[in-house]
Amino acid sequence: MDAILAIDPLLDGKILWTPLLIVLVKVLLVFVVGLVATMLMVWFERKVIAGMQNRIGPNKAGPWGLLQTLADGTKLFMKEDLIPEKADRFVFKLAPYLAFVPAFLSFAIIPLGGDYRNGKAGMITLFGHTTRMQLADPPVGVLFALAISSIAVYGIMLAGWSSGSKYPLLGSVRASAQMVSYEAALGLSLGAVLLIAGTLSTSGIVNGQTSIGNWNVVTTGFVPFFIFLVAATAELNRPPFDLVEAEQELVGGFNTEYASIRFALFYLAEFMNTVTMSGLIVTLFFGGPQPISIGNTTLDIPFVPNALEGTVWLLLKVLVFLYVYVWFRATLPRLRYDQLMNLGWRLMIPLALGWFMLLAAFRIGQDHDWNRVVVGIVSLAVLAAAAWLLGLASKVSAKNREREGAMF
């Protein structure tokens, strides 16, 4: 039982009132930080896109328009809540929560800071107790994140199905197909990180990335990171993969029939998932809250205590990926549905599987003291042959479709 409860060093051993109160404070902080981060992300996206399009953006509600999201949320609370006549009322009401809650659950396993100086491995001391700056650190944290990301699609799928309208239904069907297409690539790219890190714990993955040379984006050869970024964008239904709510085709997509607070929950879930996924990318590939180290030189942020420095580094790294997601929305056109499927099945999954096998071959060769050059040449030859066969099969399939008059 202790091993099960010890998702935080505070709960390892006899459980007292003070550790429990610290955990409750953590829960409250994660909830508040998640909501505030979501509110600021909405403002950040609108402001950055406005700058890219030579506009001003939000500038009326609060300083620099920071309270615009709060004003919009208040307005949505005051709107009339409608339920379509042909809707499944229970599922229709449940779906927004199935989309919103998983975003917070994923946020719970991300290390939000800590002291990584002098071998402290992210530990801090609160009221005489040693703990981490994350809500939970289960030994299967990465699997937990994958499971939660799979649950989130049910909110979109059930929202479209329960609305009793054809356009939301088409949006929900697209969401299901899109999740299946890119979940496999996401998992395979994540498998490369686990192969190198040797642990499923998010804190353990962060602790292994002590310098830029040890960041998983480098040790895995960049390809898994690229695949993870693309697959995560598709999982988030962000542009250019936002076909589940393509307004030119589906009116408003899966949430066409939603209004008031239920629509706001879907809206918040999208931006909260973006923040969470950016934090997960930083945790898996870029050292999380670890300070940036080049060789024996570690960058230091002046006037910031070591216990809070990790949080500042995490924030700076996450901001980079939040900007990248906004950049995607502002610059990339939406893919056609056949392009979406081809990218997932014909490129992402084979590439992720092939690269995982390449890394596994190098790891086995290292364990058995094989020649790395020979292992690399043989592995690349096998992967090249597999890629050629896959391309040949695709050409044959395309010719058959063309012959049948169904060329895409």
Protein backbone atom coordinates (compact mmCIF):
# COMPACT_ATOMS: atom_id res chain seq x y z
CA MET A 1 0.00 0.00 0.00
CA ASP A 2 2.89 2.41 0.77
CA ALA A 3 4.27 1.88 -2.75
CA ILE A 4 0.87 2.74 -4.21
CA LEU A 5 0.39 5.85 -2.08
CA ALA A 6 3.97 7.07 -2.47
CA ILE A 7 3.24 9.15 -5.55
CA ASP A 8 4.86 11.95 -3.57
CA PRO A 9 7.78 11.62 -1.11
CA LEU A 10 5.48 13.21 1.48
CA LEU A 11 3.30 10.08 1.47
CA ASP A 12 6.16 7.60 1.71
CA GLY A 13 5.74 6.05 5.14
CA LYS A 14 3.46 7.17 7.93
CA ILE A 15 0.88 9.70 6.73
CA LEU A 16 0.44 12.71 9.04
CA TRP A 17 -1.74 15.82 8.93
CA THR A 18 0.97 18.20 7.73
CA PRO A 19 1.84 16.17 4.58
CA LEU A 20 -1.85 15.83 3.78
CA LEU A 21 -2.34 19.59 4.09
CA ILE A 22 0.65 20.19 1.79
CA VAL A 23 -0.87 17.84 -0.79
CA LEU A 24 -4.21 19.68 -0.56
CA VAL A 25 -2.40 22.98 -1.12
CA LYS A 26 -0.74 21.42 -4.17
CA VAL A 27 -4.13 20.38 -5.54
CA LEU A 28 -5.43 23.91 -5.11
CA LEU A 29 -2.32 25.43 -6.71
CA VAL A 30 -2.49 23.10 -9.73
CA PHE A 31 -6.15 24.00 -10.22
CA VAL A 32 -5.52 27.75 -9.90
CA VAL A 33 -2.36 27.71 -12.02
CA GLY A 34 -4.17 25.69 -14.69
CA LEU A 35 -7.06 28.15 -14.88
CA VAL A 36 -4.84 31.22 -14.86
CA ALA A 37 -2.52 29.68 -17.48
CA THR A 38 -5.53 28.94 -19.68
CA MET A 39 -6.85 32.48 -19.34
CA LEU A 40 -3.45 33.93 -20.21
CA MET A 41 -3.01 31.49 -23.11
CA VAL A 42 -6.24 32.75 -24.72
CA TRP A 43 -4.99 36.33 -24.37
CA PHE A 44 -1.51 35.37 -25.59
CA GLU A 45 -2.84 33.66 -28.72
CA ARG A 46 -5.14 36.55 -29.65
CA LYS A 47 -2.39 39.10 -29.04
CA VAL A 48 0.33 37.25 -30.97
CA ILE A 49 -1.92 36.54 -33.96
CA ALA A 50 -2.98 40.19 -33.96
CA GLY A 51 0.66 41.21 -34.16
CA MET A 52 1.30 38.76 -37.00
CA GLN A 53 -1.69 40.17 -38.88
CA ASN A 54 -0.78 43.82 -38.18
CA ARG A 55 -3.70 44.33 -35.80
CA ILE A 56 -3.89 45.52 -32.19
CA GLY A 57 -5.75 42.65 -30.56
CA PRO A 58 -7.34 42.81 -27.08
CA ASN A 59 -6.54 46.13 -25.42
CA LYS A 60 -9.66 47.32 -23.58
CA ALA A 61 -10.33 44.96 -20.64
CA GLY A 62 -7.57 45.48 -18.11
CA PRO A 63 -3.94 46.43 -18.74
CA TRP A 64 -2.86 45.32 -22.26
CA GLY A 65 -6.21 43.54 -22.54
CA LEU A 66 -5.22 40.85 -20.00
CA LEU A 67 -8.74 40.61 -18.59
CA GLN A 68 -10.42 40.10 -21.96
CA THR A 69 -10.69 36.34 -21.38
CA LEU A 70 -12.30 36.94 -18.00
CA ALA A 71 -14.79 39.33 -19.61
CA ASP A 72 -15.64 36.78 -22.31
CA GLY A 73 -16.09 34.06 -19.71
CA THR A 74 -18.41 36.25 -17.65
CA LYS A 75 -20.46 36.96 -20.77
CA LEU A 76 -20.77 33.21 -21.52
CA PHE A 77 -21.98 32.56 -17.97
CA MET A 78 -24.82 35.02 -18.55
CA LYS A 79 -25.97 33.51 -21.85
CA GLU A 80 -28.96 31.21 -22.12
CA ASP A 81 -28.14 27.49 -21.93
CA LEU A 82 -29.84 25.56 -24.73
CA ILE A 83 -30.37 21.83 -25.17
CA PRO A 84 -31.56 20.63 -28.61
CA GLU A 85 -34.88 18.83 -28.72
CA LYS A 86 -33.41 15.67 -30.26
CA ALA A 87 -30.34 15.57 -28.03
CA ASP A 88 -29.50 12.85 -25.53
CA ARG A 89 -29.77 15.13 -22.53
CA PHE A 90 -27.55 13.21 -20.09
CA VAL A 91 -24.69 12.63 -22.54
CA PHE A 92 -25.06 16.16 -23.93
CA LYS A 93 -24.50 17.58 -20.44
CA LEU A 94 -21.70 15.14 -19.58
CA ALA A 95 -19.55 15.63 -22.70
CA PRO A 96 -18.05 19.07 -21.82
CA TYR A 97 -16.72 17.71 -18.52
CA LEU A 98 -15.16 14.72 -20.27
CA ALA A 99 -13.23 17.21 -22.39
CA PHE A 100 -12.34 19.61 -19.57
CA VAL A 101 -11.35 17.37 -16.64
CA PRO A 102 -8.61 15.32 -18.41
CA ALA A 103 -6.66 18.50 -19.12
CA PHE A 104 -6.25 19.12 -15.38
CA LEU A 105 -5.44 15.48 -14.65
CA SER A 106 -2.58 15.54 -17.16
CA PHE A 107 -1.27 18.75 -15.61
CA ALA A 108 -0.92 16.94 -12.26
CA ILE A 109 2.07 14.79 -13.32
CA ILE A 110 4.18 17.59 -14.84
CA PRO A 111 7.08 18.78 -12.63
CA LEU A 112 6.43 22.49 -12.15
CA GLY A 113 9.80 23.38 -10.66
CA GLY A 114 12.19 22.39 -7.93
CA ASP A 115 15.83 22.72 -6.92
CA TYR A 116 18.12 20.89 -9.35
CA ARG A 117 21.38 22.29 -7.98
CA ASN A 118 23.90 20.23 -6.01
CA GLY A 119 22.22 16.91 -6.82
CA LYS A 120 18.89 17.72 -5.14
CA ALA A 121 16.98 16.22 -8.12
CA GLY A 122 14.13 18.72 -7.93
CA MET A 123 13.39 18.26 -4.22
CA ILE A 124 12.35 21.19 -2.04
CA THR A 125 11.61 21.48 1.67
CA LEU A 126 8.22 22.72 2.92
CA PHE A 127 7.54 22.96 6.66
CA GLY A 128 10.30 20.45 7.36
CA HIS A 129 9.06 17.93 4.78
CA THR A 130 10.81 17.01 1.52
CA THR A 131 8.61 17.03 -1.56
CA ARG A 132 8.52 17.72 -5.29
CA MET A 133 6.92 20.68 -7.03
CA GLN A 134 4.36 18.49 -8.76
CA LEU A 135 1.06 17.15 -7.56
CA ALA A 136 1.75 13.47 -8.24
CA ASP A 137 4.72 11.43 -9.42
CA PRO A 138 3.35 7.92 -10.06
CA PRO A 139 5.84 5.32 -11.31
CA VAL A 140 3.74 5.02 -14.49
CA GLY A 141 3.24 8.74 -15.05
CA VAL A 142 3.83 8.62 -18.81
CA LEU A 143 1.25 5.84 -19.23
CA PHE A 144 -1.16 7.94 -17.16
CA ALA A 145 -0.67 10.86 -19.58
CA LEU A 146 -1.35 8.60 -22.57
CA ALA A 147 -4.49 7.19 -20.95
CA ILE A 148 -5.83 10.65 -20.13
CA SER A 149 -5.17 11.93 -23.66
CA SER A 150 -7.18 8.99 -24.98
CA ILE A 151 -10.09 9.76 -22.65
CA ALA A 152 -10.26 13.40 -23.74
CA VAL A 153 -11.46 12.50 -27.23
CA TYR A 154 -14.60 10.95 -25.73
CA GLY A 155 -15.80 14.43 -24.78
CA ILE A 156 -15.65 15.56 -28.40
CA MET A 157 -17.06 12.30 -29.76
CA LEU A 158 -20.00 12.18 -27.35
CA ALA A 159 -20.72 15.88 -27.78
CA GLY A 160 -21.23 15.42 -31.50
CA TRP A 161 -23.14 12.17 -31.18
CA SER A 162 -25.52 13.42 -28.48
CA SER A 163 -26.40 16.70 -30.23
CA GLY A 164 -28.91 15.07 -32.58
CA SER A 165 -27.53 17.00 -35.56
CA LYS A 166 -25.57 15.83 -38.59
CA TYR A 167 -22.79 18.42 -38.58
CA PRO A 168 -21.73 17.82 -34.94
CA LEU A 169 -21.91 14.08 -35.66
CA LEU A 170 -19.52 14.44 -38.59
CA GLY A 171 -17.17 16.41 -36.36
CA SER A 172 -17.21 13.70 -33.70
CA VAL A 173 -16.55 10.95 -36.28
CA ARG A 174 -13.59 12.94 -37.56
CA ALA A 175 -12.28 13.29 -34.00
CA SER A 176 -12.40 9.52 -33.46
CA ALA A 177 -10.58 8.75 -36.71
CA GLN A 178 -8.02 11.47 -36.07
CA MET A 179 -7.29 10.18 -32.56
CA VAL A 180 -6.80 6.61 -33.77
CA SER A 181 -4.54 7.78 -36.60
CA TYR A 182 -2.17 9.84 -34.48
CA GLU A 183 -2.31 8.09 -31.09
CA ALA A 184 -0.12 5.27 -32.46
CA ALA A 185 2.53 7.69 -33.74
CA LEU A 186 2.42 9.60 -30.45
CA GLY A 187 2.96 6.41 -28.45
CA LEU A 188 5.79 5.15 -30.67
CA SER A 189 7.65 8.46 -30.47
CA LEU A 190 7.17 8.40 -26.72
CA GLY A 191 8.55 4.85 -26.68
CA ALA A 192 11.86 6.21 -27.98
CA VAL A 193 12.07 8.53 -24.97
CA LEU A 194 11.27 5.70 -22.56
CA LEU A 195 13.91 3.51 -24.22
CA ILE A 196 16.57 6.14 -23.54
CA ALA A 197 15.32 7.29 -20.11
CA GLY A 198 14.60 3.82 -18.73
CA THR A 199 11.72 5.03 -16.57
CA LEU A 200 8.02 5.89 -16.84
CA SER A 201 8.20 8.53 -14.10
CA THR A 202 8.11 12.13 -15.33
CA SER A 203 10.43 13.28 -12.55
CA GLY A 204 12.85 10.46 -13.44
CA ILE A 205 12.83 11.54 -17.09
CA VAL A 206 13.58 15.14 -16.06
CA ASN A 207 16.39 14.09 -13.71
CA GLY A 208 18.16 12.28 -16.56
CA GLN A 209 18.37 15.46 -18.69
CA THR A 210 21.07 17.30 -16.80
CA SER A 211 22.51 19.24 -19.75
CA ILE A 212 21.65 20.12 -23.34
CA GLY A 213 23.69 17.16 -24.56
CA ASN A 214 21.54 14.88 -22.39
CA TRP A 215 18.20 16.33 -23.45
CA ASN A 216 16.06 13.60 -24.94
CA VAL A 217 15.52 15.67 -28.08
CA VAL A 218 19.26 15.16 -28.72
CA THR A 219 19.75 11.61 -27.41
CA THR A 220 16.80 10.29 -29.45
CA GLY A 221 17.98 11.98 -32.64
CA PHE A 222 15.36 14.78 -33.04
CA VAL A 223 12.99 12.60 -35.11
CA PRO A 224 10.84 11.37 -32.15
CA PHE A 225 10.44 14.99 -31.01
CA PHE A 226 9.25 16.06 -34.47
CA ILE A 227 6.79 13.16 -34.63
CA PHE A 228 5.54 13.85 -31.09
CA LEU A 229 5.01 17.55 -31.88
CA VAL A 230 2.99 16.81 -35.04
CA ALA A 231 0.98 14.01 -33.41
CA ALA A 232 0.30 16.12 -30.32
CA THR A 233 -0.95 18.97 -32.52
CA ALA A 234 -3.37 16.54 -34.17
CA GLU A 235 -4.44 15.19 -30.76
CA LEU A 236 -5.18 18.73 -29.61
CA ASN A 237 -7.25 19.42 -32.73
CA ARG A 238 -5.14 22.52 -33.29
CA PRO A 239 -4.53 23.99 -36.76
CA PRO A 240 -3.68 22.67 -39.27
CA PHE A 241 -5.45 19.57 -37.87
CA ASP A 242 -8.67 21.22 -36.65
CA LEU A 243 -10.97 19.31 -38.99
CA VAL A 244 -13.34 18.40 -36.14
CA GLU A 245 -14.54 22.02 -36.08
CA ALA A 246 -13.98 23.09 -39.67
CA GLU A 247 -16.42 25.99 -39.87
CA GLN A 248 -16.37 26.09 -43.69
CA GLU A 249 -17.65 22.51 -43.79
CA LEU A 250 -19.38 21.71 -40.49
CA VAL A 251 -20.85 25.06 -39.33
CA GLY A 252 -19.07 24.88 -35.98
CA GLY A 253 -18.15 21.22 -35.77
CA PHE A 254 -18.80 19.03 -32.75
CA ASN A 255 -19.83 21.96 -30.50
CA THR A 256 -22.31 23.59 -32.91
CA GLU A 257 -25.29 22.99 -30.58
CA TYR A 258 -23.54 24.13 -27.38
CA ALA A 259 -23.95 27.52 -25.73
CA SER A 260 -23.23 29.30 -22.46
CA ILE A 261 -21.04 27.60 -19.87
CA ARG A 262 -20.94 24.26 -21.70
CA PHE A 263 -19.43 25.92 -24.76
CA ALA A 264 -16.98 27.70 -22.44
CA LEU A 265 -15.83 24.34 -21.03
CA PHE A 266 -14.93 23.11 -24.52
CA TYR A 267 -13.19 26.40 -25.23
CA LEU A 268 -11.18 26.22 -22.00
CA ALA A 269 -10.35 22.55 -22.56
CA GLU A 270 -8.75 23.32 -25.93
CA PHE A 271 -6.43 25.97 -24.51
CA MET A 272 -5.77 24.07 -21.28
CA ASN A 273 -4.74 21.03 -23.31
CA THR A 274 -2.38 23.22 -25.32
CA VAL A 275 -0.67 24.43 -22.13
CA THR A 276 -0.53 20.90 -20.71
CA MET A 277 0.87 19.38 -23.90
CA SER A 278 3.52 22.11 -24.12
CA GLY A 279 4.54 21.30 -20.55
CA LEU A 280 4.65 17.60 -21.39
CA ILE A 281 6.84 18.23 -24.46
CA VAL A 282 9.27 20.26 -22.35
CA THR A 283 9.28 17.55 -19.67
CA LEU A 284 9.94 14.69 -22.10
CA PHE A 285 12.41 16.30 -24.50
CA PHE A 286 13.88 19.52 -23.08
CA GLY A 287 14.73 18.83 -19.44
CA GLY A 288 11.55 20.21 -17.89
CA PRO A 289 12.41 22.63 -15.07
CA GLN A 290 16.11 21.72 -15.21
CA PRO A 291 18.32 24.80 -15.72
CA ILE A 292 20.06 25.02 -19.09
CA SER A 293 23.55 23.52 -18.83
CA ILE A 294 26.23 23.43 -21.54
CA GLY A 295 29.04 21.13 -20.52
CA ASN A 296 30.10 22.15 -17.01
CA THR A 297 28.51 25.59 -17.31
CA THR A 298 25.02 26.03 -15.86
CA LEU A 299 23.11 29.22 -16.56
CA ASP A 300 21.91 30.99 -13.45
CA ILE A 301 19.00 33.39 -13.09
CA PRO A 302 20.09 36.18 -10.72
CA PHE A 303 18.03 37.13 -7.66
CA VAL A 304 15.87 33.98 -7.99
CA PRO A 305 16.12 31.31 -5.24
CA ASN A 306 17.13 27.84 -6.39
CA ALA A 307 13.78 26.41 -5.28
CA LEU A 308 11.95 28.78 -7.66
CA GLU A 309 14.49 28.85 -10.48
CA GLY A 310 13.18 25.58 -11.93
CA THR A 311 9.71 27.10 -12.26
CA VAL A 312 11.13 30.07 -14.18
CA TRP A 313 13.02 27.77 -16.57
CA LEU A 314 9.89 25.67 -17.13
CA LEU A 315 7.84 28.79 -17.86
CA LEU A 316 10.37 30.08 -20.40
CA LYS A 317 10.55 26.73 -22.19
CA VAL A 318 6.77 26.30 -22.25
CA LEU A 319 6.34 29.82 -23.66
CA VAL A 320 8.45 28.82 -26.66
CA PHE A 321 6.07 25.98 -27.56
CA LEU A 322 2.98 28.04 -26.87
CA TYR A 323 4.31 30.56 -29.37
CA VAL A 324 4.95 27.73 -31.85
CA TYR A 325 1.32 26.57 -31.54
CA VAL A 326 0.09 30.12 -32.12
CA TRP A 327 2.45 30.40 -35.07
CA PHE A 328 0.94 27.22 -36.54
CA ARG A 329 -2.57 28.66 -36.25
CA ALA A 330 -1.59 31.94 -37.89
CA THR A 331 0.38 30.53 -40.82
CA LEU A 332 -0.67 26.99 -41.79
CA PRO A 333 -3.78 26.25 -43.86
CA ARG A 334 -6.07 23.43 -42.77
CA LEU A 335 -5.27 20.04 -44.30
CA ARG A 336 -7.76 18.11 -46.39
CA TYR A 337 -9.08 15.02 -44.67
CA ASP A 338 -7.25 12.61 -46.99
CA GLN A 339 -4.02 14.54 -46.38
CA LEU A 340 -4.58 14.18 -42.63
CA MET A 341 -5.01 10.41 -42.93
CA ASN A 342 -2.06 9.98 -45.31
CA LEU A 343 0.24 11.96 -43.03
CA GLY A 344 -0.70 9.84 -40.03
CA TRP A 345 -0.75 6.36 -41.55
CA ARG A 346 1.80 6.60 -44.37
CA LEU A 347 4.42 8.83 -42.79
CA MET A 348 4.13 9.36 -39.03
CA ILE A 349 3.50 5.76 -37.90
CA PRO A 350 6.10 4.08 -40.19
CA LEU A 351 8.70 6.74 -39.38
CA ALA A 352 8.08 6.49 -35.62
CA LEU A 353 8.24 2.67 -35.70
CA GLY A 354 11.37 2.63 -37.86
CA TRP A 355 13.21 5.14 -35.67
CA PHE A 356 12.22 3.26 -32.52
CA MET A 357 13.64 0.05 -33.99
CA LEU A 358 16.83 1.91 -34.96
CA LEU A 359 17.32 3.18 -31.40
CA ALA A 360 16.54 -0.29 -30.03
CA ALA A 361 19.17 -1.80 -32.35
CA PHE A 362 21.79 0.67 -31.10
CA ARG A 363 20.83 -0.07 -27.48
CA ILE A 364 21.11 -3.84 -28.00
CA GLY A 365 24.41 -3.34 -29.82
CA GLN A 366 25.70 -1.26 -26.91
CA ASP A 367 24.72 -3.96 -24.41
CA HIS A 368 26.46 -6.69 -26.45
CA ASP A 369 29.47 -4.53 -27.44
CA TRP A 370 28.72 -4.68 -31.16
CA ASN A 371 30.33 -2.35 -33.67
CA ARG A 372 28.14 0.77 -33.80
CA VAL A 373 29.00 1.51 -37.44
CA VAL A 374 27.98 -1.98 -38.56
CA VAL A 375 24.78 -1.80 -36.49
CA GLY A 376 23.92 1.58 -38.02
CA ILE A 377 24.57 0.47 -41.62
CA VAL A 378 22.55 -2.74 -41.29
CA SER A 379 19.68 -0.97 -39.52
CA LEU A 380 19.50 1.84 -42.09
CA ALA A 381 19.58 -0.70 -44.92
CA VAL A 382 16.65 -2.61 -43.40
CA LEU A 383 14.69 0.62 -42.84
CA ALA A 384 15.41 1.80 -46.39
CA ALA A 385 14.13 -1.49 -47.81
CA ALA A 386 11.01 -1.25 -45.66
CA ALA A 387 10.41 2.35 -46.81
CA TRP A 388 10.79 1.31 -50.45
CA LEU A 389 8.30 -1.53 -50.04
CA LEU A 390 5.84 0.79 -48.29
CA GLY A 391 6.14 3.37 -51.06
CA LEU A 392 5.65 0.67 -53.70
CA ALA A 393 2.54 -0.58 -51.92
CA SER A 394 1.15 2.96 -51.78
CA LYS A 395 1.68 3.44 -55.52
CA VAL A 396 -0.07 0.16 -56.30
CA SER A 397 -2.97 1.13 -54.04
CA ALA A 398 -3.27 4.55 -55.72
CA LYS A 399 -3.33 2.96 -59.18
CA ASN A 400 -6.04 0.56 -58.09
CA ARG A 401 -8.18 3.41 -56.76
CA GLU A 402 -7.64 5.37 -59.95
CA ARG A 403 -8.69 2.37 -61.99
CA GLU A 404 -11.87 2.10 -59.93
CA GLY A 405 -12.64 5.79 -60.43
CA ALA A 406 -12.10 6.69 -56.76
CA MET A 407 -8.79 8.53 -56.88
CA PHE A 408 -8.30 10.98 -54.02
